[in-house]
C-alpha atoms as a PDB file:
ATOM      1  CA  MET A   1      10.959  86.099 -25.422  1.00  0.00           C
ATOM      2  CA  PRO A   2      13.487  84.197 -23.258  1.00  0.00           C
ATOM      3  CA  ALA A   3      13.273  80.397 -23.123  1.00  0.00           C
ATOM      4  CA  PRO A   4      11.555  79.082 -19.987  1.00  0.00           C
ATOM      5  CA  LYS A   5      13.884  77.979 -17.224  1.00  0.00           C
ATOM      6  CA  HIS A   6      13.664  74.388 -16.055  1.00  0.00           C
ATOM      7  CA  GLY A   7      14.149  73.110 -12.526  1.00  0.00           C
ATOM      8  CA  LYS A   8      16.968  70.891 -11.276  1.00  0.00           C
ATOM      9  CA  LYS A   9      14.918  67.700 -11.540  1.00  0.00           C
ATOM     10  CA  TYR A  10      14.024  68.371 -15.179  1.00  0.00           C
ATOM     11  CA  ASN A  11      17.601  69.283 -16.091  1.00  0.00           C
ATOM     12  CA  ALA A  12      18.910  66.105 -14.436  1.00  0.00           C
ATOM     13  CA  ALA A  13      16.351  64.025 -16.383  1.00  0.00           C
ATOM     14  CA  ALA A  14      17.053  65.818 -19.663  1.00  0.00           C
ATOM     15  CA  ALA A  15      20.788  65.206 -19.241  1.00  0.00           C
ATOM     16  CA  GLN A  16      20.088  61.477 -19.677  1.00  0.00           C
ATOM     17  CA  VAL A  17      18.578  62.034 -23.128  1.00  0.00           C
ATOM     18  CA  ASP A  18      20.541  62.762 -26.316  1.00  0.00           C
ATOM     19  CA  ALA A  19      18.403  65.405 -28.007  1.00  0.00           C
ATOM     20  CA  GLU A  20      20.054  64.744 -31.368  1.00  0.00           C
ATOM     21  CA  LYS A  21      19.525  60.976 -31.366  1.00  0.00           C
ATOM     22  CA  LEU A  22      16.652  58.982 -32.862  1.00  0.00           C
ATOM     23  CA  TYR A  23      16.062  56.149 -30.418  1.00  0.00           C
ATOM     24  CA  ALA A  24      14.604  52.725 -31.075  1.00  0.00           C
ATOM     25  CA  PRO A  25      11.050  52.497 -29.657  1.00  0.00           C
ATOM     26  CA  ALA A  26      11.934  50.163 -26.753  1.00  0.00           C
ATOM     27  CA  GLU A  27      14.927  52.285 -25.721  1.00  0.00           C
ATOM     28  CA  ALA A  28      12.884  55.499 -25.950  1.00  0.00           C
ATOM     29  CA  LEU A  29      10.132  54.080 -23.735  1.00  0.00           C
ATOM     30  CA  HIS A  30      12.723  52.930 -21.196  1.00  0.00           C
ATOM     31  CA  LEU A  31      14.188  56.448 -21.120  1.00  0.00           C
ATOM     32  CA  ALA A  32      10.776  58.070 -20.813  1.00  0.00           C
ATOM     33  CA  LYS A  33       9.981  55.889 -17.807  1.00  0.00           C
ATOM     34  CA  THR A  34      13.320  56.384 -16.073  1.00  0.00           C
ATOM     35  CA  THR A  35      13.337  60.158 -16.588  1.00  0.00           C
ATOM     36  CA  SER A  36       9.849  60.654 -15.145  1.00  0.00           C
ATOM     37  CA  PHE A  37      10.350  62.510 -11.872  1.00  0.00           C
ATOM     38  CA  THR A  38       6.856  63.587 -10.774  1.00  0.00           C
ATOM     39  CA  LYS A  39       5.481  62.429  -7.428  1.00  0.00           C
ATOM     40  CA  PHE A  40       2.241  61.415  -9.156  1.00  0.00           C
ATOM     41  CA  ASP A  41       1.861  58.678 -11.772  1.00  0.00           C
ATOM     42  CA  ALA A  42       2.700  60.657 -14.914  1.00  0.00           C
ATOM     43  CA  THR A  43       0.939  60.102 -18.226  1.00  0.00           C
ATOM     44  CA  VAL A  44       3.070  58.807 -21.104  1.00  0.00           C
ATOM     45  CA  GLU A  45       2.290  60.793 -24.251  1.00  0.00           C
ATOM     46  CA  VAL A  46       3.207  60.428 -27.911  1.00  0.00           C
ATOM     47  CA  HIS A  47       3.484  63.488 -30.146  1.00  0.00           C
ATOM     48  CA  MET A  48       3.809  63.173 -33.929  1.00  0.00           C
ATOM     49  CA  ARG A  49       4.603  65.797 -36.535  1.00  0.00           C
ATOM     50  CA  MET A  50       2.755  64.649 -39.648  1.00  0.00           C
ATOM     51  CA  GLY A  51       3.659  65.294 -43.291  1.00  0.00           C
ATOM     52  CA  VAL A  52       0.145  66.331 -44.293  1.00  0.00           C
ATOM     53  CA  ASP A  53      -1.598  69.680 -44.697  1.00  0.00           C
ATOM     54  CA  PRO A  54      -4.434  70.083 -42.150  1.00  0.00           C
ATOM     55  CA  LYS A  55      -5.988  72.822 -44.299  1.00  0.00           C
ATOM     56  CA  HIS A  56      -7.112  70.208 -46.826  1.00  0.00           C
ATOM     57  CA  ALA A  57     -10.119  68.019 -46.044  1.00  0.00           C
ATOM     58  CA  ASP A  58      -8.602  65.078 -47.926  1.00  0.00           C
ATOM     59  CA  GLN A  59      -5.451  65.104 -45.762  1.00  0.00           C
ATOM     60  CA  GLN A  60      -7.020  64.697 -42.323  1.00  0.00           C
ATOM     61  CA  VAL A  61      -5.686  62.031 -39.984  1.00  0.00           C
ATOM     62  CA  ARG A  62      -8.372  60.816 -37.588  1.00  0.00           C
ATOM     63  CA  ASP A  63      -9.302  57.464 -36.111  1.00  0.00           C
ATOM     64  CA  VAL A  64      -9.595  55.541 -32.871  1.00  0.00           C
ATOM     65  CA  VAL A  65      -7.442  52.838 -31.309  1.00  0.00           C
ATOM     66  CA  VAL A  66      -8.137  50.417 -28.486  1.00  0.00           C
ATOM     67  CA  LEU A  67      -4.933  50.252 -26.454  1.00  0.00           C
ATOM     68  CA  PRO A  68      -4.353  46.634 -25.382  1.00  0.00           C
ATOM     69  CA  HIS A  69      -3.291  47.653 -21.866  1.00  0.00           C
ATOM     70  CA  GLY A  70      -5.632  50.618 -21.463  1.00  0.00           C
ATOM     71  CA  LEU A  71      -4.716  54.074 -20.204  1.00  0.00           C
ATOM     72  CA  GLY A  72      -4.334  53.312 -16.522  1.00  0.00           C
ATOM     73  CA  LYS A  73      -7.179  55.580 -15.499  1.00  0.00           C
ATOM     74  CA  THR A  74     -10.892  55.328 -14.838  1.00  0.00           C
ATOM     75  CA  VAL A  75     -12.866  56.449 -17.892  1.00  0.00           C
ATOM     76  CA  ARG A  76     -16.312  57.869 -17.124  1.00  0.00           C
ATOM     77  CA  VAL A  77     -18.743  57.084 -19.951  1.00  0.00           C
ATOM     78  CA  LEU A  78     -22.051  58.842 -20.613  1.00  0.00           C
ATOM     79  CA  VAL A  79     -24.496  57.360 -23.113  1.00  0.00           C
ATOM     80  CA  PHE A  80     -27.290  59.166 -24.944  1.00  0.00           C
ATOM     81  CA  ALA A  81     -29.814  56.397 -25.549  1.00  0.00           C
ATOM     82  CA  ALA A  82     -33.374  55.382 -24.737  1.00  0.00           C
ATOM     83  CA  GLY A  83     -35.255  52.135 -24.236  1.00  0.00           C
ATOM     84  CA  GLU A  84     -33.329  49.002 -25.170  1.00  0.00           C
ATOM     85  CA  GLY A  85     -30.188  51.016 -25.920  1.00  0.00           C
ATOM     86  CA  ALA A  86     -30.184  52.502 -22.431  1.00  0.00           C
ATOM     87  CA  ARG A  87     -30.530  49.023 -20.933  1.00  0.00           C
ATOM     88  CA  LEU A  88     -27.621  47.649 -22.972  1.00  0.00           C
ATOM     89  CA  ALA A  89     -25.440  50.635 -22.085  1.00  0.00           C
ATOM     90  CA  HIS A  90     -26.196  50.213 -18.384  1.00  0.00           C
ATOM     91  CA  GLU A  91     -25.365  46.487 -18.505  1.00  0.00           C
ATOM     92  CA  ALA A  92     -22.054  47.270 -20.245  1.00  0.00           C
ATOM     93  CA  GLY A  93     -21.031  49.586 -17.406  1.00  0.00           C
ATOM     94  CA  ALA A  94     -21.973  53.072 -18.583  1.00  0.00           C
ATOM     95  CA  ASP A  95     -21.515  55.544 -15.724  1.00  0.00           C
ATOM     96  CA  HIS A  96     -24.299  57.897 -16.787  1.00  0.00           C
ATOM     97  CA  LEU A  97     -27.381  57.629 -19.014  1.00  0.00           C
ATOM     98  CA  ALA A  98     -28.790  60.708 -20.745  1.00  0.00           C
ATOM     99  CA  ASP A  99     -32.210  59.262 -21.495  1.00  0.00           C
ATOM    100  CA  SER A 100     -34.386  62.025 -20.072  1.00  0.00           C
ATOM    101  CA  ASP A 101     -35.053  65.704 -20.688  1.00  0.00           C
ATOM    102  CA  GLU A 102     -33.884  66.346 -17.125  1.00  0.00           C
ATOM    103  CA  MET A 103     -30.412  64.939 -17.834  1.00  0.00           C
ATOM    104  CA  LEU A 104     -30.193  66.756 -21.169  1.00  0.00           C
ATOM    105  CA  LYS A 105     -30.966  70.047 -19.419  1.00  0.00           C
ATOM    106  CA  LYS A 106     -28.348  69.288 -16.765  1.00  0.00           C
ATOM    107  CA  ILE A 107     -25.718  68.953 -19.503  1.00  0.00           C
ATOM    108  CA  GLN A 108     -27.032  72.044 -21.289  1.00  0.00           C
ATOM    109  CA  ASP A 109     -26.508  73.956 -18.039  1.00  0.00           C
ATOM    110  CA  GLY A 110     -22.824  72.979 -18.050  1.00  0.00           C
ATOM    111  CA  TRP A 111     -22.509  69.607 -16.312  1.00  0.00           C
ATOM    112  CA  THR A 112     -19.735  67.553 -17.981  1.00  0.00           C
ATOM    113  CA  GLU A 113     -18.418  65.150 -15.353  1.00  0.00           C
ATOM    114  CA  PHE A 114     -17.634  62.424 -17.893  1.00  0.00           C
ATOM    115  CA  ASP A 115     -14.735  61.614 -20.225  1.00  0.00           C
ATOM    116  CA  VAL A 116     -16.479  60.011 -23.218  1.00  0.00           C
ATOM    117  CA  ALA A 117     -19.961  60.517 -24.660  1.00  0.00           C
ATOM    118  CA  ILE A 118     -21.579  57.864 -26.860  1.00  0.00           C
ATOM    119  CA  ALA A 119     -24.942  58.187 -28.613  1.00  0.00           C
ATOM    120  CA  THR A 120     -27.351  56.236 -30.763  1.00  0.00           C
ATOM    121  CA  PRO A 121     -28.252  57.871 -34.116  1.00  0.00           C
ATOM    122  CA  ASP A 122     -31.863  58.533 -33.076  1.00  0.00           C
ATOM    123  CA  MET A 123     -30.632  60.681 -30.160  1.00  0.00           C
ATOM    124  CA  MET A 124     -28.347  62.925 -32.232  1.00  0.00           C
ATOM    125  CA  GLY A 125     -31.143  65.440 -32.889  1.00  0.00           C
ATOM    126  CA  LYS A 126     -31.260  66.183 -29.160  1.00  0.00           C
ATOM    127  CA  VAL A 127     -27.497  65.820 -28.674  1.00  0.00           C
ATOM    128  CA  GLY A 128     -26.856  68.379 -31.428  1.00  0.00           C
ATOM    129  CA  ARG A 129     -28.467  71.073 -29.267  1.00  0.00           C
ATOM    130  CA  LEU A 130     -25.731  70.504 -26.687  1.00  0.00           C
ATOM    131  CA  GLY A 131     -22.960  71.370 -29.140  1.00  0.00           C
ATOM    132  CA  ARG A 132     -21.976  74.579 -27.351  1.00  0.00           C
ATOM    133  CA  VAL A 133     -21.275  72.577 -24.183  1.00  0.00           C
ATOM    134  CA  LEU A 134     -19.885  69.335 -25.630  1.00  0.00           C
ATOM    135  CA  GLY A 135     -18.002  70.654 -28.687  1.00  0.00           C
ATOM    136  CA  PRO A 136     -15.341  72.816 -26.973  1.00  0.00           C
ATOM    137  CA  ARG A 137     -14.576  69.971 -24.547  1.00  0.00           C
ATOM    138  CA  GLY A 138     -14.164  67.361 -27.286  1.00  0.00           C
ATOM    139  CA  LEU A 139     -17.161  65.406 -25.971  1.00  0.00           C
ATOM    140  CA  MET A 140     -19.530  65.612 -28.954  1.00  0.00           C
ATOM    141  CA  PRO A 141     -20.370  62.105 -30.246  1.00  0.00           C
ATOM    142  CA  ASN A 142     -19.173  61.595 -33.803  1.00  0.00           C
ATOM    143  CA  PRO A 143     -19.570  58.647 -36.219  1.00  0.00           C
ATOM    144  CA  LYS A 144     -15.930  59.015 -37.381  1.00  0.00           C
ATOM    145  CA  ALA A 145     -14.765  58.596 -33.809  1.00  0.00           C
ATOM    146  CA  GLY A 146     -16.966  55.553 -33.306  1.00  0.00           C
ATOM    147  CA  THR A 147     -19.082  57.318 -30.664  1.00  0.00           C
ATOM    148  CA  VAL A 148     -22.343  57.301 -32.639  1.00  0.00           C
ATOM    149  CA  VAL A 149     -23.395  53.652 -32.875  1.00  0.00           C
ATOM    150  CA  PRO A 150     -26.588  51.587 -33.309  1.00  0.00           C
ATOM    151  CA  ALA A 151     -28.231  50.484 -30.077  1.00  0.00           C
ATOM    152  CA  GLU A 152     -27.097  46.882 -30.586  1.00  0.00           C
ATOM    153  CA  ASP A 153     -23.436  48.025 -30.641  1.00  0.00           C
ATOM    154  CA  LEU A 154     -23.634  50.160 -27.489  1.00  0.00           C
ATOM    155  CA  GLY A 155     -22.345  47.413 -25.222  1.00  0.00           C
ATOM    156  CA  LYS A 156     -19.161  46.990 -27.244  1.00  0.00           C
ATOM    157  CA  ALA A 157     -18.637  50.758 -27.559  1.00  0.00           C
ATOM    158  CA  VAL A 158     -18.989  51.293 -23.808  1.00  0.00           C
ATOM    159  CA  ARG A 159     -16.649  48.420 -22.927  1.00  0.00           C
ATOM    160  CA  GLU A 160     -14.002  49.644 -25.390  1.00  0.00           C
ATOM    161  CA  ALA A 161     -14.224  53.205 -24.086  1.00  0.00           C
ATOM    162  CA  LYS A 162     -13.707  52.044 -20.511  1.00  0.00           C
ATOM    163  CA  ALA A 163     -10.908  49.663 -21.505  1.00  0.00           C
ATOM    164  CA  GLY A 164      -8.759  52.346 -23.148  1.00  0.00           C
ATOM    165  CA  ARG A 165     -10.214  53.388 -26.459  1.00  0.00           C
ATOM    166  CA  VAL A 166      -8.481  56.553 -27.619  1.00  0.00           C
ATOM    167  CA  GLU A 167      -9.403  58.944 -30.406  1.00  0.00           C
ATOM    168  CA  PHE A 168      -6.642  60.791 -32.249  1.00  0.00           C
ATOM    169  CA  ARG A 169      -7.050  63.596 -34.738  1.00  0.00           C
ATOM    170  CA  LEU A 170      -4.799  66.031 -36.547  1.00  0.00           C
ATOM    171  CA  ASP A 171      -4.639  69.500 -35.000  1.00  0.00           C
ATOM    172  CA  LYS A 172      -4.270  72.787 -36.881  1.00  0.00           C
ATOM    173  CA  THR A 173      -0.466  72.561 -36.759  1.00  0.00           C
ATOM    174  CA  ALA A 174      -0.350  69.063 -38.348  1.00  0.00           C
ATOM    175  CA  ASN A 175       0.426  67.298 -35.066  1.00  0.00           C
ATOM    176  CA  LEU A 176      -1.080  64.326 -33.238  1.00  0.00           C
ATOM    177  CA  HIS A 177      -1.038  64.160 -29.438  1.00  0.00           C
ATOM    178  CA  VAL A 178      -2.001  60.790 -27.936  1.00  0.00           C
ATOM    179  CA  PRO A 179      -1.697  59.318 -24.412  1.00  0.00           C
ATOM    180  CA  ILE A 180      -0.556  55.678 -24.314  1.00  0.00           C
ATOM    181  CA  GLY A 181      -0.543  54.888 -20.595  1.00  0.00           C
ATOM    182  CA  LYS A 182       1.140  55.734 -17.313  1.00  0.00           C
ATOM    183  CA  ALA A 183       4.764  55.861 -16.187  1.00  0.00           C
ATOM    184  CA  SER A 184       3.956  53.007 -13.782  1.00  0.00           C
ATOM    185  CA  PHE A 185       3.173  50.697 -16.722  1.00  0.00           C
ATOM    186  CA  SER A 186       5.763  48.075 -17.606  1.00  0.00           C
ATOM    187  CA  GLU A 187       7.926  48.807 -20.628  1.00  0.00           C
ATOM    188  CA  GLU A 188       6.286  45.830 -22.364  1.00  0.00           C
ATOM    189  CA  ALA A 189       2.783  47.267 -21.837  1.00  0.00           C
ATOM    190  CA  LEU A 190       3.840  50.690 -23.132  1.00  0.00           C
ATOM    191  CA  TYR A 191       5.496  49.020 -26.128  1.00  0.00           C
ATOM    192  CA  ASP A 192       2.296  47.136 -26.987  1.00  0.00           C
ATOM    193  CA  ASN A 193       0.209  50.293 -26.635  1.00  0.00           C
ATOM    194  CA  LEU A 194       2.601  52.277 -28.833  1.00  0.00           C
ATOM    195  CA  ALA A 195       2.609  49.478 -31.433  1.00  0.00           C
ATOM    196  CA  ALA A 196      -1.213  49.521 -31.506  1.00  0.00           C
ATOM    197  CA  LEU A 197      -1.206  53.302 -31.934  1.00  0.00           C
ATOM    198  CA  MET A 198       1.335  53.190 -34.765  1.00  0.00           C
ATOM    199  CA  GLU A 199      -0.717  50.554 -36.586  1.00  0.00           C
ATOM    200  CA  ALA A 200      -3.834  52.735 -36.280  1.00  0.00           C
ATOM    201  CA  VAL A 201      -2.000  55.857 -37.478  1.00  0.00           C
ATOM    202  CA  LYS A 202      -0.660  53.978 -40.510  1.00  0.00           C
ATOM    203  CA  ARG A 203      -4.173  52.717 -41.240  1.00  0.00           C
ATOM    204  CA  ALA A 204      -5.501  56.281 -41.070  1.00  0.00           C
ATOM    205  CA  LYS A 205      -3.048  57.599 -43.694  1.00  0.00           C
ATOM    206  CA  PRO A 206      -4.990  59.753 -46.188  1.00  0.00           C
ATOM    207  CA  ALA A 207      -4.802  58.724 -49.845  1.00  0.00           C
ATOM    208  CA  ALA A 208      -3.835  62.324 -50.674  1.00  0.00           C
ATOM    209  CA  ALA A 209      -0.781  62.274 -48.369  1.00  0.00           C
ATOM    210  CA  LYS A 210       2.490  62.688 -50.272  1.00  0.00           C
ATOM    211  CA  GLY A 211       6.103  62.329 -49.192  1.00  0.00           C
ATOM    212  CA  THR A 212       7.112  61.483 -45.622  1.00  0.00           C
ATOM    213  CA  TYR A 213       3.995  60.625 -43.610  1.00  0.00           C
ATOM    214  CA  ILE A 214       5.456  60.846 -40.075  1.00  0.00           C
ATOM    215  CA  ARG A 215       8.176  63.486 -39.901  1.00  0.00           C
ATOM    216  CA  LYS A 216       8.920  63.471 -36.186  1.00  0.00           C
ATOM    217  CA  LEU A 217       7.910  61.245 -33.296  1.00  0.00           C
ATOM    218  CA  VAL A 218       8.469  62.060 -29.625  1.00  0.00           C
ATOM    219  CA  VAL A 219       7.521  60.202 -26.440  1.00  0.00           C
ATOM    220  CA  THR A 220       7.423  62.034 -23.128  1.00  0.00           C
ATOM    221  CA  THR A 221       5.890  61.896 -19.672  1.00  0.00           C
ATOM    222  CA  THR A 222       4.028  64.679 -17.874  1.00  0.00           C
ATOM    223  CA  MET A 223       6.655  67.373 -17.174  1.00  0.00           C
ATOM    224  CA  GLY A 224       9.432  65.055 -18.386  1.00  0.00           C
ATOM    225  CA  PRO A 225      11.893  65.535 -21.277  1.00  0.00           C
ATOM    226  CA  GLY A 226      10.983  64.478 -24.797  1.00  0.00           C
ATOM    227  CA  VAL A 227      12.685  61.424 -26.325  1.00  0.00           C
ATOM    228  CA  CYS A 228      12.791  61.263 -30.128  1.00  0.00           C
ATOM    229  CA  ILE A 229      11.919  57.923 -31.722  1.00  0.00           C
ATOM    230  CA  ASP A 230      13.031  56.841 -35.185  1.00  0.00           C
ATOM    231  CA  PRO A 231       9.743  57.135 -37.172  1.00  0.00           C
ATOM    232  CA  ASN A 232      10.734  54.288 -39.517  1.00  0.00           C
ATOM    233  CA  GLU A 233      11.361  51.880 -36.653  1.00  0.00           C
ATOM    234  CA  ALA A 234       8.123  52.962 -34.962  1.00  0.00           C
ATOM    235  CA  GLN A 235       6.103  52.237 -38.104  1.00  0.00           C
ATOM    236  CA  ALA A 236       7.586  48.730 -38.213  1.00  0.00           C
ATOM    237  CA  MET A 237       6.534  47.918 -34.629  1.00  0.00           C
ATOM    238  CA  GLU A 238       4.447  44.894 -33.764  1.00  0.00           C
ATOM    239  CA  ALA A 239       2.860  44.150 -30.389  1.00  0.00           C
ATOM    240  CA  ARG A 240       4.863  41.612 -28.401  1.00  0.00           C
ATOM    241  CA  GLY A 241       1.865  40.143 -26.607  1.00  0.00           C
END
């Protein structure tokens, strides 16, 4: 199968990047920003090739990170809670409350106009029935992702989700794919967000992981060229703020 052909704008952007070089994090982020050519505000993404085997349960890499400068987009939060929990979620800024059979049926019928779903443990019996709708879209609340929390912690969970709380998890090909902001962000803000992500990924290292933990690290923007970052330098990053 022939390689896909790129347009003139992509080729001009890619010409500014040395595909064989491992860039320092700050330089890579600068390049990613300057080579973004879309008319819309492109998302800045980080892709990591991990040195673990996703087939083994004890080598999974999964956690959440609150990006200090957010994601640069509005995050719509739905909360499954009742009574006091529903009140706390509403006060914290939840966009939707699934506290009635009517709302649960609406979701069961296919409505998913939200980006994050959070639930209290007592609601998970009802939420579990929505697995066929929520699961494929990555919206099923999960304790490991910090989206199943006691009612008293709902306020914090909602605020973090809206501020830029991102879940990352290993895919079947041993890669992580994580957004860290927008091309319109300052280089300093992107640096801080990347540093926070790297700290979280290091923290999530499985005890069973052997050898090189992060084999390859690439930053790119929507439709833009990939810029390779030196994994060792990335793991030594600290937020500047």
